[in-house]
Every structure is written in structure tokens, then in C-alpha cells.
C-alpha atoms as a PDB file:
ATOM      1  CA  MET A   1     180.485  71.649  96.152  1.00  0.00           C
ATOM      2  CA  GLU A   2     182.646  68.930  97.571  1.00  0.00           C
ATOM      3  CA  HIS A   3     184.395  66.308  95.441  1.00  0.00           C
ATOM      4  CA  ASN A   4     184.273  62.687  96.589  1.00  0.00           C
ATOM      5  CA  HIS A   5     186.518  60.052  95.037  1.00  0.00           C
ATOM      6  CA  LYS A   6     187.887  58.375  98.188  1.00  0.00           C
ATOM      7  CA  ALA A   7     187.806  54.587  98.345  1.00  0.00           C
ATOM      8  CA  GLU A   8     187.032  54.223 102.059  1.00  0.00           C
ATOM      9  CA  THR A   9     183.464  53.910 103.345  1.00  0.00           C
ATOM     10  CA  LYS A  10     181.982  57.286 104.181  1.00  0.00           C
ATOM     11  CA  LYS A  11     179.200  57.927 106.681  1.00  0.00           C
ATOM     12  CA  THR A  12     176.125  60.096 106.434  1.00  0.00           C
ATOM     13  CA  HIS A  13     172.587  60.038 107.808  1.00  0.00           C
ATOM     14  CA  THR A  14     170.668  60.766 104.588  1.00  0.00           C
ATOM     15  CA  LEU A  15     171.710  60.412 100.958  1.00  0.00           C
ATOM     16  CA  ILE A  16     169.730  62.069  98.141  1.00  0.00           C
ATOM     17  CA  ILE A  17     170.103  61.233  94.445  1.00  0.00           C
ATOM     18  CA  SER A  18     167.794  62.031  91.535  1.00  0.00           C
ATOM     19  CA  ASP A  19     167.375  61.894  87.782  1.00  0.00           C
ATOM     20  CA  LEU A  20     169.076  58.599  87.075  1.00  0.00           C
ATOM     21  CA  HIS A  21     166.881  58.096  83.986  1.00  0.00           C
ATOM     22  CA  LEU A  22     167.581  54.375  83.954  1.00  0.00           C
ATOM     23  CA  GLY A  23     167.068  53.001  80.467  1.00  0.00           C
ATOM     24  CA  THR A  24     168.796  55.816  78.584  1.00  0.00           C
ATOM     25  CA  PRO A  25     172.266  55.578  76.997  1.00  0.00           C
ATOM     26  CA  VAL A  26     173.536  58.429  79.200  1.00  0.00           C
ATOM     27  CA  SER A  27     172.435  56.984  82.544  1.00  0.00           C
ATOM     28  CA  ARG A  28     175.289  56.128  84.894  1.00  0.00           C
ATOM     29  CA  ALA A  29     173.766  53.259  86.860  1.00  0.00           C
ATOM     30  CA  ASP A  30     177.210  51.734  87.465  1.00  0.00           C
ATOM     31  CA  LYS A  31     178.452  54.943  89.089  1.00  0.00           C
ATOM     32  CA  ALA A  32     175.289  55.274  91.173  1.00  0.00           C
ATOM     33  CA  LEU A  33     175.788  51.739  92.488  1.00  0.00           C
ATOM     34  CA  LYS A  34     179.405  52.484  93.416  1.00  0.00           C
ATOM     35  CA  LEU A  35     178.253  55.612  95.230  1.00  0.00           C
ATOM     36  CA  LEU A  36     175.704  53.726  97.331  1.00  0.00           C
ATOM     37  CA  GLN A  37     178.240  51.017  98.120  1.00  0.00           C
ATOM     38  CA  SER A  38     180.785  53.626  99.229  1.00  0.00           C
ATOM     39  CA  TYR A  39     178.505  55.073 101.931  1.00  0.00           C
ATOM     40  CA  SER A  40     177.119  53.934 105.248  1.00  0.00           C
ATOM     41  CA  PHE A  41     173.769  55.727 105.594  1.00  0.00           C
ATOM     42  CA  ARG A  42     170.417  55.394 107.359  1.00  0.00           C
ATOM     43  CA  LYS A  43     168.130  56.846 104.714  1.00  0.00           C
ATOM     44  CA  LEU A  44     168.156  57.026 100.913  1.00  0.00           C
ATOM     45  CA  ILE A  45     165.876  59.459  99.081  1.00  0.00           C
ATOM     46  CA  LEU A  46     165.401  58.756  95.371  1.00  0.00           C
ATOM     47  CA  LEU A  47     164.231  62.191  94.321  1.00  0.00           C
ATOM     48  CA  GLY A  48     162.423  61.370  91.090  1.00  0.00           C
ATOM     49  CA  ASP A  49     163.045  60.271  87.506  1.00  0.00           C
ATOM     50  CA  VAL A  50     164.710  57.076  88.606  1.00  0.00           C
ATOM     51  CA  PHE A  51     163.495  55.631  85.308  1.00  0.00           C
ATOM     52  CA  GLU A  52     163.120  57.070  81.835  1.00  0.00           C
ATOM     53  CA  SER A  53     160.049  55.210  80.569  1.00  0.00           C
ATOM     54  CA  LEU A  54     157.820  52.134  80.815  1.00  0.00           C
ATOM     55  CA  ASN A  55     160.038  50.250  78.359  1.00  0.00           C
ATOM     56  CA  PHE A  56     161.773  47.746  80.649  1.00  0.00           C
ATOM     57  CA  LYS A  57     163.726  46.302  77.703  1.00  0.00           C
ATOM     58  CA  LYS A  58     165.954  49.375  77.826  1.00  0.00           C
ATOM     59  CA  LEU A  59     167.191  48.486  81.312  1.00  0.00           C
ATOM     60  CA  ASP A  60     170.645  46.924  80.987  1.00  0.00           C
ATOM     61  CA  LYS A  61     172.702  44.826  83.391  1.00  0.00           C
ATOM     62  CA  ASP A  62     174.002  47.882  85.295  1.00  0.00           C
ATOM     63  CA  CYS A  63     170.433  49.118  85.838  1.00  0.00           C
ATOM     64  CA  TRP A  64     169.253  45.788  87.227  1.00  0.00           C
ATOM     65  CA  GLU A  65     172.278  45.507  89.526  1.00  0.00           C
ATOM     66  CA  LEU A  66     171.497  48.948  90.952  1.00  0.00           C
ATOM     67  CA  LEU A  67     167.799  48.126  91.439  1.00  0.00           C
ATOM     68  CA  ASN A  68     168.629  44.811  93.111  1.00  0.00           C
ATOM     69  CA  TYR A  69     171.064  46.539  95.459  1.00  0.00           C
ATOM     70  CA  ILE A  70     168.456  49.117  96.465  1.00  0.00           C
ATOM     71  CA  GLY A  71     166.024  46.274  97.134  1.00  0.00           C
ATOM     72  CA  LYS A  72     168.549  44.575  99.424  1.00  0.00           C
ATOM     73  CA  ILE A  73     169.350  47.628 101.548  1.00  0.00           C
ATOM     74  CA  THR A  74     165.672  48.269 102.344  1.00  0.00           C
ATOM     75  CA  LYS A  75     165.904  45.442 104.863  1.00  0.00           C
ATOM     76  CA  ASP A  76     167.869  47.605 107.303  1.00  0.00           C
ATOM     77  CA  ARG A  77     167.698  51.132 105.851  1.00  0.00           C
ATOM     78  CA  LYS A  78     164.930  53.547 104.920  1.00  0.00           C
ATOM     79  CA  VAL A  79     164.396  54.096 101.190  1.00  0.00           C
ATOM     80  CA  ARG A  80     161.995  56.843 100.075  1.00  0.00           C
ATOM     81  CA  TRP A  81     161.047  57.191  96.398  1.00  0.00           C
ATOM     82  CA  VAL A  82     159.661  60.598  95.428  1.00  0.00           C
ATOM     83  CA  LEU A  83     157.999  60.242  92.037  1.00  0.00           C
ATOM     84  CA  GLY A  84     159.157  62.306  89.063  1.00  0.00           C
ATOM     85  CA  ASN A  85     157.422  62.992  85.769  1.00  0.00           C
ATOM     86  CA  HIS A  86     159.251  60.095  84.067  1.00  0.00           C
ATOM     87  CA  ASP A  87     158.308  57.651  86.845  1.00  0.00           C
ATOM     88  CA  ALA A  88     154.567  57.799  86.124  1.00  0.00           C
ATOM     89  CA  GLY A  89     153.088  54.308  86.299  1.00  0.00           C
ATOM     90  CA  LEU A  90     156.379  52.625  87.133  1.00  0.00           C
ATOM     91  CA  HIS A  91     155.937  52.653  90.904  1.00  0.00           C
ATOM     92  CA  ASN A  92     153.207  50.016  90.529  1.00  0.00           C
ATOM     93  CA  VAL A  93     155.832  47.655  89.100  1.00  0.00           C
ATOM     94  CA  PHE A  94     159.018  48.528  90.947  1.00  0.00           C
ATOM     95  CA  ASP A  95     157.872  49.394  94.472  1.00  0.00           C
ATOM     96  CA  SER A  96     157.909  45.699  95.470  1.00  0.00           C
ATOM     97  CA  LEU A  97     161.305  45.148  93.829  1.00  0.00           C
ATOM     98  CA  MET A  98     162.971  48.117  95.486  1.00  0.00           C
ATOM     99  CA  GLY A  99     160.970  47.982  98.719  1.00  0.00           C
ATOM    100  CA  ALA A 100     160.785  51.778  98.788  1.00  0.00           C
ATOM    101  CA  ARG A 101     157.996  53.829 100.290  1.00  0.00           C
ATOM    102  CA  ILE A 102     156.524  56.036  97.595  1.00  0.00           C
ATOM    103  CA  TYR A 103     155.572  59.701  97.814  1.00  0.00           C
ATOM    104  CA  GLU A 104     154.564  62.611  95.609  1.00  0.00           C
ATOM    105  CA  THR A 105     156.063  64.896  98.250  1.00  0.00           C
ATOM    106  CA  TYR A 106     158.052  63.554 101.170  1.00  0.00           C
ATOM    107  CA  THR A 107     158.350  65.538 104.422  1.00  0.00           C
ATOM    108  CA  TRP A 108     160.091  64.849 107.710  1.00  0.00           C
ATOM    109  CA  GLN A 109     160.918  66.659 110.934  1.00  0.00           C
ATOM    110  CA  TYR A 110     164.280  67.006 112.647  1.00  0.00           C
ATOM    111  CA  LYS A 111     165.092  69.232 115.621  1.00  0.00           C
ATOM    112  CA  HIS A 112     161.826  71.171 115.265  1.00  0.00           C
ATOM    113  CA  GLU A 113     162.545  71.956 111.615  1.00  0.00           C
ATOM    114  CA  LYS A 114     160.643  70.700 108.570  1.00  0.00           C
ATOM    115  CA  TYR A 115     162.311  69.123 105.524  1.00  0.00           C
ATOM    116  CA  LEU A 116     160.425  68.773 102.235  1.00  0.00           C
ATOM    117  CA  ALA A 117     161.442  66.801  99.145  1.00  0.00           C
ATOM    118  CA  THR A 118     159.582  66.841  95.817  1.00  0.00           C
ATOM    119  CA  HIS A 119     160.870  66.175  92.313  1.00  0.00           C
ATOM    120  CA  GLY A 120     160.238  69.677  90.951  1.00  0.00           C
ATOM    121  CA  HIS A 121     158.432  69.001  87.666  1.00  0.00           C
ATOM    122  CA  GLN A 122     155.329  70.505  89.264  1.00  0.00           C
ATOM    123  CA  PHE A 123     157.081  73.876  89.049  1.00  0.00           C
ATOM    124  CA  ASP A 124     158.057  73.474  85.382  1.00  0.00           C
ATOM    125  CA  ARG A 125     155.328  75.480  83.626  1.00  0.00           C
ATOM    126  CA  PHE A 126     156.463  74.489  80.147  1.00  0.00           C
ATOM    127  CA  LEU A 127     156.177  70.811  81.023  1.00  0.00           C
ATOM    128  CA  VAL A 128     152.798  71.249  82.709  1.00  0.00           C
ATOM    129  CA  ASN A 129     151.300  73.382  79.932  1.00  0.00           C
ATOM    130  CA  ASN A 130     152.842  71.559  76.958  1.00  0.00           C
ATOM    131  CA  ALA A 131     152.665  67.864  77.774  1.00  0.00           C
ATOM    132  CA  VAL A 132     152.560  66.740  74.120  1.00  0.00           C
ATOM    133  CA  LEU A 133     155.505  68.921  73.065  1.00  0.00           C
ATOM    134  CA  SER A 134     157.479  67.760  76.091  1.00  0.00           C
ATOM    135  CA  HIS A 135     156.842  64.122  75.182  1.00  0.00           C
ATOM    136  CA  MET A 136     157.936  64.742  71.573  1.00  0.00           C
ATOM    137  CA  ALA A 137     161.108  66.444  72.807  1.00  0.00           C
ATOM    138  CA  THR A 138     161.853  63.454  75.045  1.00  0.00           C
ATOM    139  CA  VAL A 139     161.438  61.005  72.143  1.00  0.00           C
ATOM    140  CA  MET A 140     163.673  63.126  69.906  1.00  0.00           C
ATOM    141  CA  TYR A 141     166.339  63.468  72.593  1.00  0.00           C
ATOM    142  CA  ASP A 142     166.300  59.702  73.152  1.00  0.00           C
ATOM    143  CA  PHE A 143     166.955  59.202  69.428  1.00  0.00           C
ATOM    144  CA  ILE A 144     169.845  61.717  69.509  1.00  0.00           C
ATOM    145  CA  GLN A 145     171.361  59.905  72.481  1.00  0.00           C
ATOM    146  CA  ARG A 146     171.335  56.617  70.598  1.00  0.00           C
ATOM    147  CA  MET A 147     172.924  58.141  67.507  1.00  0.00           C
ATOM    148  CA  ASP A 148     175.530  60.098  69.474  1.00  0.00           C
ATOM    149  CA  SER A 149     179.148  59.048  70.078  1.00  0.00           C
ATOM    150  CA  ASP A 150     180.139  56.820  72.998  1.00  0.00           C
ATOM    151  CA  GLU A 151     181.074  59.879  75.047  1.00  0.00           C
ATOM    152  CA  LYS A 152     177.618  61.434  74.376  1.00  0.00           C
ATOM    153  CA  LYS A 153     179.222  64.864  74.081  1.00  0.00           C
ATOM    154  CA  PHE A 154     176.564  66.298  71.767  1.00  0.00           C
ATOM    155  CA  SER A 155     173.716  64.939  73.920  1.00  0.00           C
ATOM    156  CA  HIS A 156     175.182  66.493  77.039  1.00  0.00           C
ATOM    157  CA  TRP A 157     175.805  69.819  75.299  1.00  0.00           C
ATOM    158  CA  LEU A 158     172.243  69.901  73.945  1.00  0.00           C
ATOM    159  CA  LYS A 159     170.773  69.103  77.365  1.00  0.00           C
ATOM    160  CA  ARG A 160     172.754  71.849  79.073  1.00  0.00           C
ATOM    161  CA  LYS A 161     171.818  74.392  76.393  1.00  0.00           C
ATOM    162  CA  SER A 162     168.108  73.570  76.459  1.00  0.00           C
ATOM    163  CA  LYS A 163     167.903  73.716  80.240  1.00  0.00           C
ATOM    164  CA  GLY A 164     169.806  76.996  80.282  1.00  0.00           C
ATOM    165  CA  TRP A 165     167.696  78.518  77.524  1.00  0.00           C
ATOM    166  CA  LEU A 166     164.523  77.815  79.452  1.00  0.00           C
ATOM    167  CA  ARG A 167     166.147  79.180  82.629  1.00  0.00           C
ATOM    168  CA  LEU A 168     164.531  76.204  84.238  1.00  0.00           C
ATOM    169  CA  SER A 169     166.765  75.944  87.287  1.00  0.00           C
ATOM    170  CA  ASP A 170     165.952  79.398  88.627  1.00  0.00           C
ATOM    171  CA  LYS A 171     162.249  79.047  87.859  1.00  0.00           C
ATOM    172  CA  VAL A 172     161.978  75.745  89.694  1.00  0.00           C
ATOM    173  CA  ALA A 173     163.992  77.115  92.618  1.00  0.00           C
ATOM    174  CA  ARG A 174     161.769  80.171  93.029  1.00  0.00           C
ATOM    175  CA  SER A 175     158.556  78.165  92.809  1.00  0.00           C
ATOM    176  CA  ALA A 176     159.882  75.455  95.133  1.00  0.00           C
ATOM    177  CA  ILE A 177     160.804  78.068  97.738  1.00  0.00           C
ATOM    178  CA  ARG A 178     157.296  79.562  97.540  1.00  0.00           C
ATOM    179  CA  TYR A 179     155.868  76.058  97.876  1.00  0.00           C
ATOM    180  CA  GLY A 180     158.095  75.412 100.865  1.00  0.00           C
ATOM    181  CA  LYS A 181     157.028  78.653 102.514  1.00  0.00           C
ATOM    182  CA  LYS A 182     153.348  77.766 101.999  1.00  0.00           C
ATOM    183  CA  HIS A 183     153.931  74.404 103.683  1.00  0.00           C
ATOM    184  CA  GLU A 184     156.056  75.909 106.485  1.00  0.00           C
ATOM    185  CA  ALA A 185     159.216  74.034 105.480  1.00  0.00           C
ATOM    186  CA  ASN A 186     162.701  75.127 106.483  1.00  0.00           C
ATOM    187  CA  TYR A 187     164.490  73.069 103.835  1.00  0.00           C
ATOM    188  CA  VAL A 188     163.325  72.150 100.316  1.00  0.00           C
ATOM    189  CA  PHE A 189     164.943  69.567  98.021  1.00  0.00           C
ATOM    190  CA  CYS A 190     164.250  69.119  94.290  1.00  0.00           C
ATOM    191  CA  GLY A 191     165.661  67.413  91.214  1.00  0.00           C
ATOM    192  CA  HIS A 192     164.263  67.667  87.664  1.00  0.00           C
ATOM    193  CA  THR A 193     166.486  70.484  86.332  1.00  0.00           C
ATOM    194  CA  HIS A 194     169.644  68.294  86.161  1.00  0.00           C
ATOM    195  CA  LYS A 195     171.583  71.220  87.629  1.00  0.00           C
ATOM    196  CA  ALA A 196     172.853  71.039  91.206  1.00  0.00           C
ATOM    197  CA  MET A 197     172.088  74.217  93.102  1.00  0.00           C
ATOM    198  CA  LYS A 198     171.670  75.726  96.534  1.00  0.00           C
ATOM    199  CA  LYS A 199     169.745  78.872  97.306  1.00  0.00           C
ATOM    200  CA  HIS A 200     168.603  80.727 100.445  1.00  0.00           C
ATOM    201  CA  SER A 201     165.473  82.867 100.358  1.00  0.00           C
ATOM    202  CA  HIS A 202     162.583  83.731 102.713  1.00  0.00           C
ATOM    203  CA  ASP A 203     164.335  81.817 105.510  1.00  0.00           C
ATOM    204  CA  ILE A 204     164.118  78.677 103.383  1.00  0.00           C
ATOM    205  CA  LYS A 205     167.176  76.770 102.214  1.00  0.00           C
ATOM    206  CA  TYR A 206     166.737  75.192  98.782  1.00  0.00           C
ATOM    207  CA  PHE A 207     168.888  72.424  97.326  1.00  0.00           C
ATOM    208  CA  ASN A 208     168.782  70.720  93.931  1.00  0.00           C
ATOM    209  CA  SER A 209     170.399  67.292  93.699  1.00  0.00           C
ATOM    210  CA  GLY A 210     171.402  67.547  90.024  1.00  0.00           C
ATOM    211  CA  CYS A 211     171.467  64.326  87.980  1.00  0.00           C
ATOM    212  CA  TRP A 212     173.230  61.096  86.991  1.00  0.00           C
ATOM    213  CA  THR A 213     173.168  61.596  83.223  1.00  0.00           C
ATOM    214  CA  ASP A 214     175.918  64.235  82.966  1.00  0.00           C
ATOM    215  CA  ASP A 215     179.465  64.599  84.264  1.00  0.00           C
ATOM    216  CA  PRO A 216     179.986  65.289  87.041  1.00  0.00           C
ATOM    217  CA  CYS A 217     177.174  63.354  88.684  1.00  0.00           C
ATOM    218  CA  THR A 218     175.926  65.034  91.857  1.00  0.00           C
ATOM    219  CA  TYR A 219     174.230  64.043  95.095  1.00  0.00           C
ATOM    220  CA  ILE A 220     173.351  65.457  98.525  1.00  0.00           C
ATOM    221  CA  THR A 221     174.216  64.333 102.049  1.00  0.00           C
ATOM    222  CA  ILE A 222     172.440  65.428 105.234  1.00  0.00           C
ATOM    223  CA  ASP A 223     174.054  65.146 108.678  1.00  0.00           C
ATOM    224  CA  GLU A 224     172.598  66.982 111.659  1.00  0.00           C
ATOM    225  CA  ASP A 225     172.208  70.514 110.221  1.00  0.00           C
ATOM    226  CA  ASN A 226     175.042  70.003 107.739  1.00  0.00           C
ATOM    227  CA  ILE A 227     173.786  69.675 104.150  1.00  0.00           C
ATOM    228  CA  LYS A 228     176.259  69.337 101.273  1.00  0.00           C
ATOM    229  CA  ILE A 229     176.116  68.936  97.518  1.00  0.00           C
ATOM    230  CA  HIS A 230     178.841  66.571  96.271  1.00  0.00           C
ATOM    231  CA  GLU A 231     180.256  65.755  92.872  1.00  0.00           C
ATOM    232  CA  TYR A 232     181.044  62.159  92.011  1.00  0.00           C
END
């Protein structure tokens, strides 16, 4: 992974970020805005879970500044919003504000190769098979976040432990690669697991964009055939 803290404007063709979970105490909307402002890019892919829930009252000033900025850049840049499990129903409200084209799975071609981006919750069997338990866990975690210290150390520790215990990252990666192979993709991009990752299997290159609720925040850039995961 590459570390990016330089002040000057950087250039890339495509920028991918996911799992902002706007509306939660651990979301880093201010950092995400600074990231977007620090880059010159042609395409932005919001790879799911941009929001946490339908409760708009939880969106603070930093969240609205980020959303307004995304809405402004759609005038001269492509913005693609791939829906995550937390975004359900929200695209009907925010698609006009952000001006993003909305997809369940977004694919594109470049130099005779196929790129595929999907959030990844489809490959999370626990989430699919235990919707009620997953919702209860989300509500409980939201409560813990609000009761936690300003640094949210316990929340972050709990999130990392739960994701690791479920071995979610590897499961999603394996299933996403199989999905990519079925759809004849050369590159597959996911979020959902909150863990940045790259993997190469069955001639398919898999990348996970990580999240913007933990430190370090992570994102992906794509230039020609050069794909990198960065820490912010």
C-alpha cells in the first residue's frame, strides 16, 4: 500500500472509495472531502455503504459538505454509485443531489479487459441468511459508537475483531473472484469488509477498497493498467 499525505494536487483516472457510513460517529466525511479535493480525476466510484441509514438527522455538517461537493463535480466528471447493503432506499433521495449514476454492479471496458465493481455484501452469507440478526448487530454497534470515547478506540477494536472472527474478507474475496470469473471480468473491486486487500486468482485481480470509518482510511486509484491501494 502507498501512503498519501502530500499537499499538491495528484492526478489519476479513476478514484474508488467505499464504506463511508455517513451518519455514524466514526465516519470521516471531512477526510473524504479533503481526499477528493486533493485529486484531479475523471471518474469517481462510490463503492457502496456511502450512508449508514435512512435517518438523515444523523448527517452532520461534514457529511453535507461532502455530498454537496460530489454533486458539484458531476458537472464535468463521471460519478458512479454502486449500492451497498446500508444504501437501500437512499438512492431514491440522494441520486438527484449527488448526480451519480446508480448501479447494483458496475462494469466497464478498457483495452479489451473487463472491470467489475460491486459492493460485496452479496457474498456475505451471514448477512444474507441472517438479516434480522445483522440489523440488531448494526443497532447495537451504533449505540456502542455513541457511548465510546472521542477516539472511538473500543468501537474500532470491536469492528476489527468481529470482521476477523467471521473471516469475512477472505470469504468475500473468494466469492467475488468466482463471480468475476462467471462474468468474464479481469478485475473485480469490492468494499463491505472494511479491510483493504488485493488478491490474484484464476487470472482475476481482486481489490477491496477498505473503508472510511477506521484509521487508516483507504482508497484505490486506477491509471492505465496501474491499480494501487492507498492509505490516507
